[in-house]
Amino acid sequence: MDQYDAVDKVYDMVCKQLEDICQSGFDTVQEDTLKQLHNLVQLVQQYGMDYLSELLEKLYQSIAPRRHQFEQKEEGTVLMFALLNQYLYVCRQQIEYDRAAAYYSQDQRIEEIAKQLS
């Protein structure tokens, strides 16, 4: 597994977690889902994705107390969720650009080595 596959795996885990949260609704997130989100925050930190970790932590802090409140304020949570989705979209594009750049730079290196050997 190369670095891009590892980032893809983390990306997919985050997307699945956000999908679960969206499907359950911000007010009815299961305890298990919250635990998974908290574990995901720690995993993302270990991968060195500090900004993503910060965003996920803010989402966790926004959703966790909502389960026990009668009056819900949607604005902050929805904005955080939207920001996370936008960030993940940009991340996916960057991953693909980096992967393509690595692929084509590898082809150029092979061509340079072939020219040197000729």
PDB file of N, CA and C in Angstrom:
ATOM      1  N   MET A   1       0.841  -1.167   0.000  1.00  0.00           N
ATOM      2  CA  MET A   1       0.000   0.000   0.000  1.00  0.00           C
ATOM      3  C   MET A   1       0.896   1.245   0.000  1.00  0.00           C
ATOM      4  N   ASP A   2       0.668   2.126  -0.969  1.00  0.00           N
ATOM      5  CA  ASP A   2       1.456   3.353  -1.012  1.00  0.00           C
ATOM      6  C   ASP A   2       0.757   4.454  -0.210  1.00  0.00           C
ATOM      7  N   GLN A   3       1.385   5.622  -0.168  1.00  0.00           N
ATOM      8  CA  GLN A   3       0.860   6.720   0.641  1.00  0.00           C
ATOM      9  C   GLN A   3      -0.512   7.178   0.162  1.00  0.00           C
ATOM     10  N   TYR A   4      -0.760   7.095  -1.146  1.00  0.00           N
ATOM     11  CA  TYR A   4      -2.047   7.525  -1.677  1.00  0.00           C
ATOM     12  C   TYR A   4      -3.163   6.562  -1.275  1.00  0.00           C
ATOM     13  N   ASP A   5      -2.856   5.279  -1.242  1.00  0.00           N
ATOM     14  CA  ASP A   5      -3.842   4.290  -0.803  1.00  0.00           C
ATOM     15  C   ASP A   5      -4.183   4.484   0.665  1.00  0.00           C
ATOM     16  N   ALA A   6      -3.192   4.815   1.464  1.00  0.00           N
ATOM     17  CA  ALA A   6      -3.426   5.043   2.894  1.00  0.00           C
ATOM     18  C   ALA A   6      -4.326   6.259   3.101  1.00  0.00           C
ATOM     19  N   VAL A   7      -4.059   7.323   2.377  1.00  0.00           N
ATOM     20  CA  VAL A   7      -4.880   8.525   2.488  1.00  0.00           C
ATOM     21  C   VAL A   7      -6.289   8.246   1.964  1.00  0.00           C
ATOM     22  N   ASP A   8      -6.380   7.476   0.878  1.00  0.00           N
ATOM     23  CA  ASP A   8      -7.692   7.088   0.352  1.00  0.00           C
ATOM     24  C   ASP A   8      -8.499   6.327   1.399  1.00  0.00           C
ATOM     25  N   LYS A   9      -7.850   5.439   2.109  1.00  0.00           N
ATOM     26  CA  LYS A   9      -8.530   4.637   3.126  1.00  0.00           C
ATOM     27  C   LYS A   9      -9.074   5.535   4.238  1.00  0.00           C
ATOM     28  N   VAL A  10      -8.263   6.469   4.708  1.00  0.00           N
ATOM     29  CA  VAL A  10      -8.712   7.400   5.743  1.00  0.00           C
ATOM     30  C   VAL A  10      -9.842   8.270   5.202  1.00  0.00           C
ATOM     31  N   TYR A  11      -9.688   8.745   3.993  1.00  0.00           N
ATOM     32  CA  TYR A  11     -10.719   9.568   3.343  1.00  0.00           C
ATOM     33  C   TYR A  11     -12.047   8.824   3.294  1.00  0.00           C
ATOM     34  N   ASP A  12     -12.011   7.561   2.882  1.00  0.00           N
ATOM     35  CA  ASP A  12     -13.233   6.759   2.801  1.00  0.00           C
ATOM     36  C   ASP A  12     -13.861   6.553   4.176  1.00  0.00           C
ATOM     37  N   MET A  13     -13.035   6.361   5.190  1.00  0.00           N
ATOM     38  CA  MET A  13     -13.548   6.189   6.553  1.00  0.00           C
ATOM     39  C   MET A  13     -14.259   7.456   7.029  1.00  0.00           C
ATOM     40  N   VAL A  14     -13.668   8.604   6.739  1.00  0.00           N
ATOM     41  CA  VAL A  14     -14.273   9.870   7.146  1.00  0.00           C
ATOM     42  C   VAL A  14     -15.591  10.085   6.403  1.00  0.00           C
ATOM     43  N   CYS A  15     -15.599   9.821   5.115  1.00  0.00           N
ATOM     44  CA  CYS A  15     -16.823   9.992   4.325  1.00  0.00           C
ATOM     45  C   CYS A  15     -17.938   9.075   4.822  1.00  0.00           C
ATOM     46  N   LYS A  16     -17.593   7.838   5.140  1.00  0.00           N
ATOM     47  CA  LYS A  16     -18.600   6.907   5.649  1.00  0.00           C
ATOM     48  C   LYS A  16     -19.154   7.391   6.986  1.00  0.00           C
ATOM     49  N   GLN A  17     -18.288   7.906   7.832  1.00  0.00           N
ATOM     50  CA  GLN A  17     -18.730   8.401   9.133  1.00  0.00           C
ATOM     51  C   GLN A  17     -19.667   9.588   8.964  1.00  0.00           C
ATOM     52  N   LEU A  18     -19.318  10.499   8.062  1.00  0.00           N
ATOM     53  CA  LEU A  18     -20.182  11.660   7.823  1.00  0.00           C
ATOM     54  C   LEU A  18     -21.521  11.225   7.232  1.00  0.00           C
ATOM     55  N   GLU A  19     -21.491  10.230   6.377  1.00  0.00           N
ATOM     56  CA  GLU A  19     -22.729   9.700   5.804  1.00  0.00           C
ATOM     57  C   GLU A  19     -23.624   9.118   6.905  1.00  0.00           C
ATOM     58  N   ASP A  20     -23.035   8.372   7.818  1.00  0.00           N
ATOM     59  CA  ASP A  20     -23.796   7.804   8.936  1.00  0.00           C
ATOM     60  C   ASP A  20     -24.438   8.905   9.788  1.00  0.00           C
ATOM     61  N   ILE A  21     -23.679   9.946  10.050  1.00  0.00           N
ATOM     62  CA  ILE A  21     -24.191  11.061  10.854  1.00  0.00           C
ATOM     63  C   ILE A  21     -25.324  11.764  10.121  1.00  0.00           C
ATOM     64  N   CYS A  22     -25.149  11.973   8.840  1.00  0.00           N
ATOM     65  CA  CYS A  22     -26.173  12.654   8.049  1.00  0.00           C
ATOM     66  C   CYS A  22     -27.453  11.825   7.999  1.00  0.00           C
ATOM     67  N   GLN A  23     -27.320  10.522   7.826  1.00  0.00           N
ATOM     68  CA  GLN A  23     -28.493   9.661   7.736  1.00  0.00           C
ATOM     69  C   GLN A  23     -29.239   9.568   9.054  1.00  0.00           C
ATOM     70  N   SER A  24     -28.532   9.585  10.159  1.00  0.00           N
ATOM     71  CA  SER A  24     -29.200   9.471  11.459  1.00  0.00           C
ATOM     72  C   SER A  24     -29.791  10.809  11.902  1.00  0.00           C
ATOM     73  N   GLY A  25     -29.246  11.895  11.385  1.00  0.00           N
ATOM     74  CA  GLY A  25     -29.673  13.219  11.830  1.00  0.00           C
ATOM     75  C   GLY A  25     -28.778  13.684  12.961  1.00  0.00           C
ATOM     76  N   PHE A  26     -28.562  14.960  13.049  1.00  0.00           N
ATOM     77  CA  PHE A  26     -27.640  15.506  14.038  1.00  0.00           C
ATOM     78  C   PHE A  26     -28.135  15.312  15.474  1.00  0.00           C
ATOM     79  N   ASP A  27     -29.443  15.194  15.645  1.00  0.00           N
ATOM     80  CA  ASP A  27     -30.011  15.087  16.987  1.00  0.00           C
ATOM     81  C   ASP A  27     -30.105  13.655  17.486  1.00  0.00           C
ATOM     82  N   THR A  28     -29.975  12.693  16.601  1.00  0.00           N
ATOM     83  CA  THR A  28     -30.197  11.299  16.987  1.00  0.00           C
ATOM     84  C   THR A  28     -28.997  10.411  16.665  1.00  0.00           C
ATOM     85  N   VAL A  29     -27.825  10.970  16.733  1.00  0.00           N
ATOM     86  CA  VAL A  29     -26.611  10.199  16.463  1.00  0.00           C
ATOM     87  C   VAL A  29     -26.425   9.167  17.577  1.00  0.00           C
ATOM     88  N   GLN A  30     -26.175   7.941  17.184  1.00  0.00           N
ATOM     89  CA  GLN A  30     -26.002   6.859  18.149  1.00  0.00           C
ATOM     90  C   GLN A  30     -24.687   7.018  18.916  1.00  0.00           C
ATOM     91  N   GLU A  31     -24.667   6.475  20.124  1.00  0.00           N
ATOM     92  CA  GLU A  31     -23.462   6.543  20.967  1.00  0.00           C
ATOM     93  C   GLU A  31     -22.274   5.876  20.274  1.00  0.00           C
ATOM     94  N   ASP A  32     -22.538   4.758  19.610  1.00  0.00           N
ATOM     95  CA  ASP A  32     -21.484   4.040  18.902  1.00  0.00           C
ATOM     96  C   ASP A  32     -20.895   4.890  17.769  1.00  0.00           C
ATOM     97  N   THR A  33     -21.751   5.621  17.077  1.00  0.00           N
ATOM     98  CA  THR A  33     -21.290   6.501  15.997  1.00  0.00           C
ATOM     99  C   THR A  33     -20.415   7.614  16.556  1.00  0.00           C
ATOM    100  N   LEU A  34     -20.803   8.143  17.717  1.00  0.00           N
ATOM    101  CA  LEU A  34     -19.981   9.182  18.344  1.00  0.00           C
ATOM    102  C   LEU A  34     -18.616   8.642  18.754  1.00  0.00           C
ATOM    103  N   LYS A  35     -18.583   7.427  19.279  1.00  0.00           N
ATOM    104  CA  LYS A  35     -17.306   6.807  19.644  1.00  0.00           C
ATOM    105  C   LYS A  35     -16.435   6.614  18.408  1.00  0.00           C
ATOM    106  N   GLN A  36     -17.046   6.163  17.322  1.00  0.00           N
ATOM    107  CA  GLN A  36     -16.296   5.977  16.080  1.00  0.00           C
ATOM    108  C   GLN A  36     -15.757   7.304  15.567  1.00  0.00           C
ATOM    109  N   LEU A  37     -16.558   8.358  15.680  1.00  0.00           N
ATOM    110  CA  LEU A  37     -16.111   9.684  15.251  1.00  0.00           C
ATOM    111  C   LEU A  37     -14.933  10.142  16.101  1.00  0.00           C
ATOM    112  N   HIS A  38     -15.019   9.932  17.398  1.00  0.00           N
ATOM    113  CA  HIS A  38     -13.920  10.329  18.289  1.00  0.00           C
ATOM    114  C   HIS A  38     -12.650   9.528  17.963  1.00  0.00           C
ATOM    115  N   ASN A  39     -12.786   8.228  17.713  1.00  0.00           N
ATOM    116  CA  ASN A  39     -11.634   7.401  17.322  1.00  0.00           C
ATOM    117  C   ASN A  39     -11.064   7.860  15.982  1.00  0.00           C
ATOM    118  N   LEU A  40     -11.942   8.279  15.096  1.00  0.00           N
ATOM    119  CA  LEU A  40     -11.499   8.756  13.790  1.00  0.00           C
ATOM    120  C   LEU A  40     -10.701  10.045  13.917  1.00  0.00           C
ATOM    121  N   VAL A  41     -11.087  10.896  14.847  1.00  0.00           N
ATOM    122  CA  VAL A  41     -10.331  12.133  15.113  1.00  0.00           C
ATOM    123  C   VAL A  41      -8.891  11.778  15.484  1.00  0.00           C
ATOM    124  N   GLN A  42      -8.742  10.805  16.348  1.00  0.00           N
ATOM    125  CA  GLN A  42      -7.407  10.387  16.779  1.00  0.00           C
ATOM    126  C   GLN A  42      -6.615   9.750  15.633  1.00  0.00           C
ATOM    127  N   LEU A  43      -7.273   8.935  14.820  1.00  0.00           N
ATOM    128  CA  LEU A  43      -6.601   8.301  13.686  1.00  0.00           C
ATOM    129  C   LEU A  43      -6.118   9.341  12.686  1.00  0.00           C
ATOM    130  N   VAL A  44      -6.965  10.303  12.395  1.00  0.00           N
ATOM    131  CA  VAL A  44      -6.608  11.357  11.445  1.00  0.00           C
ATOM    132  C   VAL A  44      -5.428  12.165  11.978  1.00  0.00           C
ATOM    133  N   GLN A  45      -5.397  12.395  13.287  1.00  0.00           N
ATOM    134  CA  GLN A  45      -4.251  13.088  13.892  1.00  0.00           C
ATOM    135  C   GLN A  45      -2.971  12.281  13.700  1.00  0.00           C
ATOM    136  N   GLN A  46      -3.056  10.967  13.864  1.00  0.00           N
ATOM    137  CA  GLN A  46      -1.884  10.113  13.691  1.00  0.00           C
ATOM    138  C   GLN A  46      -1.356  10.170  12.264  1.00  0.00           C
ATOM    139  N   TYR A  47      -2.228  10.378  11.306  1.00  0.00           N
ATOM    140  CA  TYR A  47      -1.809  10.496   9.912  1.00  0.00           C
ATOM    141  C   TYR A  47      -1.268  11.888   9.597  1.00  0.00           C
ATOM    142  N   GLY A  48      -1.319  12.787  10.559  1.00  0.00           N
ATOM    143  CA  GLY A  48      -0.774  14.128  10.359  1.00  0.00           C
ATOM    144  C   GLY A  48      -1.723  15.074   9.647  1.00  0.00           C
ATOM    145  N   MET A  49      -2.988  14.731   9.607  1.00  0.00           N
ATOM    146  CA  MET A  49      -3.993  15.581   8.961  1.00  0.00           C
ATOM    147  C   MET A  49      -4.623  16.474  10.033  1.00  0.00           C
ATOM    148  N   ASP A  50      -3.876  17.469  10.449  1.00  0.00           N
ATOM    149  CA  ASP A  50      -4.263  18.278  11.597  1.00  0.00           C
ATOM    150  C   ASP A  50      -5.547  19.084  11.361  1.00  0.00           C
ATOM    151  N   TYR A  51      -5.654  19.685  10.180  1.00  0.00           N
ATOM    152  CA  TYR A  51      -6.843  20.512   9.920  1.00  0.00           C
ATOM    153  C   TYR A  51      -8.099  19.645   9.869  1.00  0.00           C
ATOM    154  N   LEU A  52      -8.014  18.501   9.210  1.00  0.00           N
ATOM    155  CA  LEU A  52      -9.154  17.589   9.158  1.00  0.00           C
ATOM    156  C   LEU A  52      -9.499  17.103  10.562  1.00  0.00           C
ATOM    157  N   SER A  53      -8.507  16.803  11.339  1.00  0.00           N
ATOM    158  CA  SER A  53      -8.730  16.381  12.719  1.00  0.00           C
ATOM    159  C   SER A  53      -9.442  17.470  13.516  1.00  0.00           C
ATOM    160  N   GLU A  54      -9.017  18.701  13.314  1.00  0.00           N
ATOM    161  CA  GLU A  54      -9.641  19.831  14.002  1.00  0.00           C
ATOM    162  C   GLU A  54     -11.116  19.975  13.601  1.00  0.00           C
ATOM    163  N   LEU A  55     -11.384  19.842  12.312  1.00  0.00           N
ATOM    164  CA  LEU A  55     -12.766  19.949  11.838  1.00  0.00           C
ATOM    165  C   LEU A  55     -13.635  18.826  12.401  1.00  0.00           C
ATOM    166  N   LEU A  56     -13.107  17.617  12.401  1.00  0.00           N
ATOM    167  CA  LEU A  56     -13.860  16.485  12.932  1.00  0.00           C
ATOM    168  C   LEU A  56     -14.104  16.639  14.430  1.00  0.00           C
ATOM    169  N   GLU A  57     -13.110  17.155  15.146  1.00  0.00           N
ATOM    170  CA  GLU A  57     -13.271  17.378  16.589  1.00  0.00           C
ATOM    171  C   GLU A  57     -14.357  18.416  16.845  1.00  0.00           C
ATOM    172  N   LYS A  58     -14.385  19.470  16.043  1.00  0.00           N
ATOM    173  CA  LYS A  58     -15.424  20.498  16.202  1.00  0.00           C
ATOM    174  C   LYS A  58     -16.806  19.913  15.906  1.00  0.00           C
ATOM    175  N   LEU A  59     -16.895  19.052  14.902  1.00  0.00           N
ATOM    176  CA  LEU A  59     -18.169  18.405  14.607  1.00  0.00           C
ATOM    177  C   LEU A  59     -18.587  17.519  15.776  1.00  0.00           C
ATOM    178  N   TYR A  60     -17.647  16.771  16.310  1.00  0.00           N
ATOM    179  CA  TYR A  60     -17.924  15.918  17.467  1.00  0.00           C
ATOM    180  C   TYR A  60     -18.421  16.758  18.644  1.00  0.00           C
ATOM    181  N   GLN A  61     -17.729  17.860  18.931  1.00  0.00           N
ATOM    182  CA  GLN A  61     -18.113  18.729  20.046  1.00  0.00           C
ATOM    183  C   GLN A  61     -19.480  19.376  19.817  1.00  0.00           C
ATOM    184  N   SER A  62     -19.839  19.552  18.565  1.00  0.00           N
ATOM    185  CA  SER A  62     -21.128  20.142  18.232  1.00  0.00           C
ATOM    186  C   SER A  62     -22.265  19.128  18.339  1.00  0.00           C
ATOM    187  N   ILE A  63     -21.988  17.886  17.967  1.00  0.00           N
ATOM    188  CA  ILE A  63     -23.040  16.861  17.921  1.00  0.00           C
ATOM    189  C   ILE A  63     -23.230  16.161  19.264  1.00  0.00           C
ATOM    190  N   ALA A  64     -22.160  15.859  19.969  1.00  0.00           N
ATOM    191  CA  ALA A  64     -22.244  15.055  21.195  1.00  0.00           C
ATOM    192  C   ALA A  64     -23.251  15.603  22.216  1.00  0.00           C
ATOM    193  N   PRO A  65     -23.213  16.878  22.552  1.00  0.00           N
ATOM    194  CA  PRO A  65     -24.161  17.351  23.572  1.00  0.00           C
ATOM    195  C   PRO A  65     -25.607  17.478  23.071  1.00  0.00           C
ATOM    196  N   ARG A  66     -25.803  17.477  21.765  1.00  0.00           N
ATOM    197  CA  ARG A  66     -27.140  17.674  21.191  1.00  0.00           C
ATOM    198  C   ARG A  66     -28.082  16.529  21.523  1.00  0.00           C
ATOM    199  N   ARG A  67     -27.536  15.365  21.802  1.00  0.00           N
ATOM    200  CA  ARG A  67     -28.376  14.204  22.060  1.00  0.00           C
ATOM    201  C   ARG A  67     -29.222  14.382  23.310  1.00  0.00           C
ATOM    202  N   HIS A  68     -28.836  15.286  24.185  1.00  0.00           N
ATOM    203  CA  HIS A  68     -29.515  15.441  25.470  1.00  0.00           C
ATOM    204  C   HIS A  68     -30.172  16.818  25.623  1.00  0.00           C
ATOM    205  N   GLN A  69     -30.358  17.506  24.522  1.00  0.00           N
ATOM    206  CA  GLN A  69     -30.958  18.835  24.581  1.00  0.00           C
ATOM    207  C   GLN A  69     -32.320  18.830  23.876  1.00  0.00           C
ATOM    208  N   PHE A  70     -33.234  19.620  24.420  1.00  0.00           N
ATOM    209  CA  PHE A  70     -34.557  19.738  23.792  1.00  0.00           C
ATOM    210  C   PHE A  70     -34.532  20.765  22.677  1.00  0.00           C
ATOM    211  N   GLU A  71     -33.895  21.889  22.924  1.00  0.00           N
ATOM    212  CA  GLU A  71     -33.834  22.943  21.917  1.00  0.00           C
ATOM    213  C   GLU A  71     -32.543  22.787  21.114  1.00  0.00           C
ATOM    214  N   GLN A  72     -32.693  22.596  19.832  1.00  0.00           N
ATOM    215  CA  GLN A  72     -31.537  22.360  18.962  1.00  0.00           C
ATOM    216  C   GLN A  72     -31.237  23.605  18.132  1.00  0.00           C
ATOM    217  N   LYS A  73     -29.967  23.910  18.007  1.00  0.00           N
ATOM    218  CA  LYS A  73     -29.525  25.005  17.141  1.00  0.00           C
ATOM    219  C   LYS A  73     -28.764  24.379  15.985  1.00  0.00           C
ATOM    220  N   GLU A  74     -29.364  24.396  14.813  1.00  0.00           N
ATOM    221  CA  GLU A  74     -28.825  23.691  13.658  1.00  0.00           C
ATOM    222  C   GLU A  74     -27.675  24.430  12.971  1.00  0.00           C
ATOM    223  N   GLU A  75     -27.692  25.736  13.014  1.00  0.00           N
ATOM    224  CA  GLU A  75     -26.810  26.526  12.166  1.00  0.00           C
ATOM    225  C   GLU A  75     -25.331  26.143  12.265  1.00  0.00           C
ATOM    226  N   GLY A  76     -24.776  26.107  13.455  1.00  0.00           N
ATOM    227  CA  GLY A  76     -23.350  25.825  13.611  1.00  0.00           C
ATOM    228  C   GLY A  76     -22.981  24.419  13.164  1.00  0.00           C
ATOM    229  N   THR A  77     -23.815  23.454  13.493  1.00  0.00           N
ATOM    230  CA  THR A  77     -23.540  22.068  13.125  1.00  0.00           C
ATOM    231  C   THR A  77     -23.635  21.874  11.620  1.00  0.00           C
ATOM    232  N   VAL A  78     -24.635  22.457  11.022  1.00  0.00           N
ATOM    233  CA  VAL A  78     -24.812  22.327   9.574  1.00  0.00           C
ATOM    234  C   VAL A  78     -23.657  22.997   8.836  1.00  0.00           C
ATOM    235  N   LEU A  79     -23.243  24.161   9.302  1.00  0.00           N
ATOM    236  CA  LEU A  79     -22.112  24.846   8.670  1.00  0.00           C
ATOM    237  C   LEU A  79     -20.825  24.030   8.809  1.00  0.00           C
ATOM    238  N   MET A  80     -20.601  23.429   9.976  1.00  0.00           N
ATOM    239  CA  MET A  80     -19.417  22.598  10.184  1.00  0.00           C
ATOM    240  C   MET A  80     -19.455  21.379   9.262  1.00  0.00           C
ATOM    241  N   PHE A  81     -20.625  20.786   9.149  1.00  0.00           N
ATOM    242  CA  PHE A  81     -20.793  19.619   8.282  1.00  0.00           C
ATOM    243  C   PHE A  81     -20.528  19.999   6.822  1.00  0.00           C
ATOM    244  N   ALA A  82     -21.043  21.138   6.401  1.00  0.00           N
ATOM    245  CA  ALA A  82     -20.825  21.610   5.034  1.00  0.00           C
ATOM    246  C   ALA A  82     -19.348  21.915   4.786  1.00  0.00           C
ATOM    247  N   LEU A  83     -18.696  22.538   5.754  1.00  0.00           N
ATOM    248  CA  LEU A  83     -17.268  22.840   5.632  1.00  0.00           C
ATOM    249  C   LEU A  83     -16.450  21.556   5.507  1.00  0.00           C
ATOM    250  N   LEU A  84     -16.795  20.555   6.298  1.00  0.00           N
ATOM    251  CA  LEU A  84     -16.117  19.259   6.228  1.00  0.00           C
ATOM    252  C   LEU A  84     -16.290  18.630   4.848  1.00  0.00           C
ATOM    253  N   ASN A  85     -17.499  18.654   4.327  1.00  0.00           N
ATOM    254  CA  ASN A  85     -17.744  18.084   3.004  1.00  0.00           C
ATOM    255  C   ASN A  85     -16.975  18.823   1.923  1.00  0.00           C
ATOM    256  N   GLN A  86     -16.941  20.141   2.015  1.00  0.00           N
ATOM    257  CA  GLN A  86     -16.190  20.929   1.041  1.00  0.00           C
ATOM    258  C   GLN A  86     -14.693  20.619   1.139  1.00  0.00           C
ATOM    259  N   TYR A  87     -14.186  20.523   2.349  1.00  0.00           N
ATOM    260  CA  TYR A  87     -12.774  20.204   2.554  1.00  0.00           C
ATOM    261  C   TYR A  87     -12.446  18.820   1.987  1.00  0.00           C
ATOM    262  N   LEU A  88     -13.309  17.848   2.230  1.00  0.00           N
ATOM    263  CA  LEU A  88     -13.080  16.492   1.718  1.00  0.00           C
ATOM    264  C   LEU A  88     -13.118  16.453   0.191  1.00  0.00           C
ATOM    265  N   TYR A  89     -13.964  17.265  -0.411  1.00  0.00           N
ATOM    266  CA  TYR A  89     -14.015  17.340  -1.876  1.00  0.00           C
ATOM    267  C   TYR A  89     -12.679  17.853  -2.426  1.00  0.00           C
ATOM    268  N   VAL A  90     -12.163  18.899  -1.809  1.00  0.00           N
ATOM    269  CA  VAL A  90     -10.877  19.456  -2.239  1.00  0.00           C
ATOM    270  C   VAL A  90      -9.756  18.444  -1.987  1.00  0.00           C
ATOM    271  N   CYS A  91      -9.819  17.744  -0.863  1.00  0.00           N
ATOM    272  CA  CYS A  91      -8.816  16.713  -0.561  1.00  0.00           C
ATOM    273  C   CYS A  91      -8.805  15.633  -1.635  1.00  0.00           C
ATOM    274  N   ARG A  92      -9.984  15.178  -2.018  1.00  0.00           N
ATOM    275  CA  ARG A  92     -10.074  14.132  -3.047  1.00  0.00           C
ATOM    276  C   ARG A  92      -9.424  14.601  -4.343  1.00  0.00           C
ATOM    277  N   GLN A  93      -9.699  15.827  -4.737  1.00  0.00           N
ATOM    278  CA  GLN A  93      -9.074  16.368  -5.950  1.00  0.00           C
ATOM    279  C   GLN A  93      -7.561  16.420  -5.804  1.00  0.00           C
ATOM    280  N   GLN A  94      -7.076  16.879  -4.658  1.00  0.00           N
ATOM    281  CA  GLN A  94      -5.632  16.989  -4.444  1.00  0.00           C
ATOM    282  C   GLN A  94      -4.963  15.621  -4.453  1.00  0.00           C
ATOM    283  N   ILE A  95      -5.619  14.633  -3.860  1.00  0.00           N
ATOM    284  CA  ILE A  95      -5.079  13.268  -3.871  1.00  0.00           C
ATOM    285  C   ILE A  95      -4.913  12.781  -5.306  1.00  0.00           C
ATOM    286  N   GLU A  96      -5.922  13.007  -6.116  1.00  0.00           N
ATOM    287  CA  GLU A  96      -5.860  12.561  -7.511  1.00  0.00           C
ATOM    288  C   GLU A  96      -4.797  13.322  -8.300  1.00  0.00           C
ATOM    289  N   TYR A  97      -4.681  14.624  -8.072  1.00  0.00           N
ATOM    290  CA  TYR A  97      -3.637  15.413  -8.738  1.00  0.00           C
ATOM    291  C   TYR A  97      -2.247  14.928  -8.342  1.00  0.00           C
ATOM    292  N   ASP A  98      -2.052  14.702  -7.045  1.00  0.00           N
ATOM    293  CA  ASP A  98      -0.752  14.231  -6.561  1.00  0.00           C
ATOM    294  C   ASP A  98      -0.423  12.848  -7.111  1.00  0.00           C
ATOM    295  N   ARG A  99      -1.419  11.993  -7.148  1.00  0.00           N
ATOM    296  CA  ARG A  99      -1.216  10.644  -7.681  1.00  0.00           C
ATOM    297  C   ARG A  99      -0.832  10.712  -9.170  1.00  0.00           C
ATOM    298  N   ALA A 100      -1.508  11.561  -9.923  1.00  0.00           N
ATOM    299  CA  ALA A 100      -1.196  11.710 -11.346  1.00  0.00           C
ATOM    300  C   ALA A 100       0.198  12.305 -11.539  1.00  0.00           C
ATOM    301  N   ALA A 101       0.531  13.291 -10.730  1.00  0.00           N
ATOM    302  CA  ALA A 101       1.860  13.909 -10.844  1.00  0.00           C
ATOM    303  C   ALA A 101       2.946  12.892 -10.535  1.00  0.00           C
ATOM    304  N   ALA A 102       2.730  12.065  -9.522  1.00  0.00           N
ATOM    305  CA  ALA A 102       3.717  11.040  -9.180  1.00  0.00           C
ATOM    306  C   ALA A 102       3.838  10.007 -10.303  1.00  0.00           C
ATOM    307  N   TYR A 103       2.728   9.660 -10.885  1.00  0.00           N
ATOM    308  CA  TYR A 103       2.733   8.682 -11.972  1.00  0.00           C
ATOM    309  C   TYR A 103       3.511   9.208 -13.174  1.00  0.00           C
ATOM    310  N   TYR A 104       3.206  10.451 -13.571  1.00  0.00           N
ATOM    311  CA  TYR A 104       3.869  10.998 -14.757  1.00  0.00           C
ATOM    312  C   TYR A 104       5.317  11.362 -14.490  1.00  0.00           C
ATOM    313  N   SER A 105       5.640  11.780 -13.289  1.00  0.00           N
ATOM    314  CA  SER A 105       7.045  12.062 -12.994  1.00  0.00           C
ATOM    315  C   SER A 105       7.838  10.758 -12.976  1.00  0.00           C
ATOM    316  N   GLN A 106       7.207   9.666 -12.586  1.00  0.00           N
ATOM    317  CA  GLN A 106       7.861   8.358 -12.631  1.00  0.00           C
ATOM    318  C   GLN A 106       8.139   7.956 -14.084  1.00  0.00           C
ATOM    319  N   ASP A 107       7.189   8.218 -14.964  1.00  0.00           N
ATOM    320  CA  ASP A 107       7.403   7.925 -16.389  1.00  0.00           C
ATOM    321  C   ASP A 107       8.555   8.751 -16.948  1.00  0.00           C
ATOM    322  N   GLN A 108       8.639  10.014 -16.539  1.00  0.00           N
ATOM    323  CA  GLN A 108       9.721  10.866 -17.017  1.00  0.00           C
ATOM    324  C   GLN A 108      11.063  10.363 -16.510  1.00  0.00           C
ATOM    325  N   ARG A 109      11.116   9.905 -15.270  1.00  0.00           N
ATOM    326  CA  ARG A 109      12.362   9.370 -14.730  1.00  0.00           C
ATOM    327  C   ARG A 109      12.797   8.128 -15.490  1.00  0.00           C
ATOM    328  N   ILE A 110      11.842   7.294 -15.812  1.00  0.00           N
ATOM    329  CA  ILE A 110      12.167   6.080 -16.571  1.00  0.00           C
ATOM    330  C   ILE A 110      12.707   6.453 -17.945  1.00  0.00           C
ATOM    331  N   GLU A 111      12.101   7.451 -18.585  1.00  0.00           N
ATOM    332  CA  GLU A 111      12.577   7.892 -19.899  1.00  0.00           C
ATOM    333  C   GLU A 111      13.989   8.469 -19.798  1.00  0.00           C
ATOM    334  N   GLU A 112      14.263   9.241 -18.747  1.00  0.00           N
ATOM    335  CA  GLU A 112      15.579   9.826 -18.565  1.00  0.00           C
ATOM    336  C   GLU A 112      16.621   8.728 -18.361  1.00  0.00           C
ATOM    337  N   ILE A 113      16.294   7.739 -17.570  1.00  0.00           N
ATOM    338  CA  ILE A 113      17.226   6.631 -17.333  1.00  0.00           C
ATOM    339  C   ILE A 113      17.464   5.849 -18.625  1.00  0.00           C
ATOM    340  N   ALA A 114      16.411   5.645 -19.406  1.00  0.00           N
ATOM    341  CA  ALA A 114      16.534   4.935 -20.681  1.00  0.00           C
ATOM    342  C   ALA A 114      17.439   5.718 -21.639  1.00  0.00           C
ATOM    343  N   LYS A 115      17.312   7.034 -21.662  1.00  0.00           N
ATOM    344  CA  LYS A 115      18.151   7.878 -22.527  1.00  0.00           C
ATOM    345  C   LYS A 115      19.613   7.789 -22.081  1.00  0.00           C
ATOM    346  N   GLN A 116      19.830   7.771 -20.770  1.00  0.00           N
ATOM    347  CA  GLN A 116      21.193   7.690 -20.259  1.00  0.00           C
ATOM    348  C   GLN A 116      21.839   6.350 -20.586  1.00  0.00           C
ATOM    349  N   LEU A 117      21.044   5.312 -20.590  1.00  0.00           N
ATOM    350  CA  LEU A 117      21.565   3.976 -20.892  1.00  0.00           C
ATOM    351  C   LEU A 117      21.811   3.783 -22.394  1.00  0.00           C
ATOM    352  N   SER A 118      21.141   4.577 -23.213  1.00  0.00           N
ATOM    353  CA  SER A 118      21.317   4.421 -24.670  1.00  0.00           C
ATOM    354  C   SER A 118      22.603   4.993 -25.171  1.00  0.00           C
TER     355      SER A 118
END
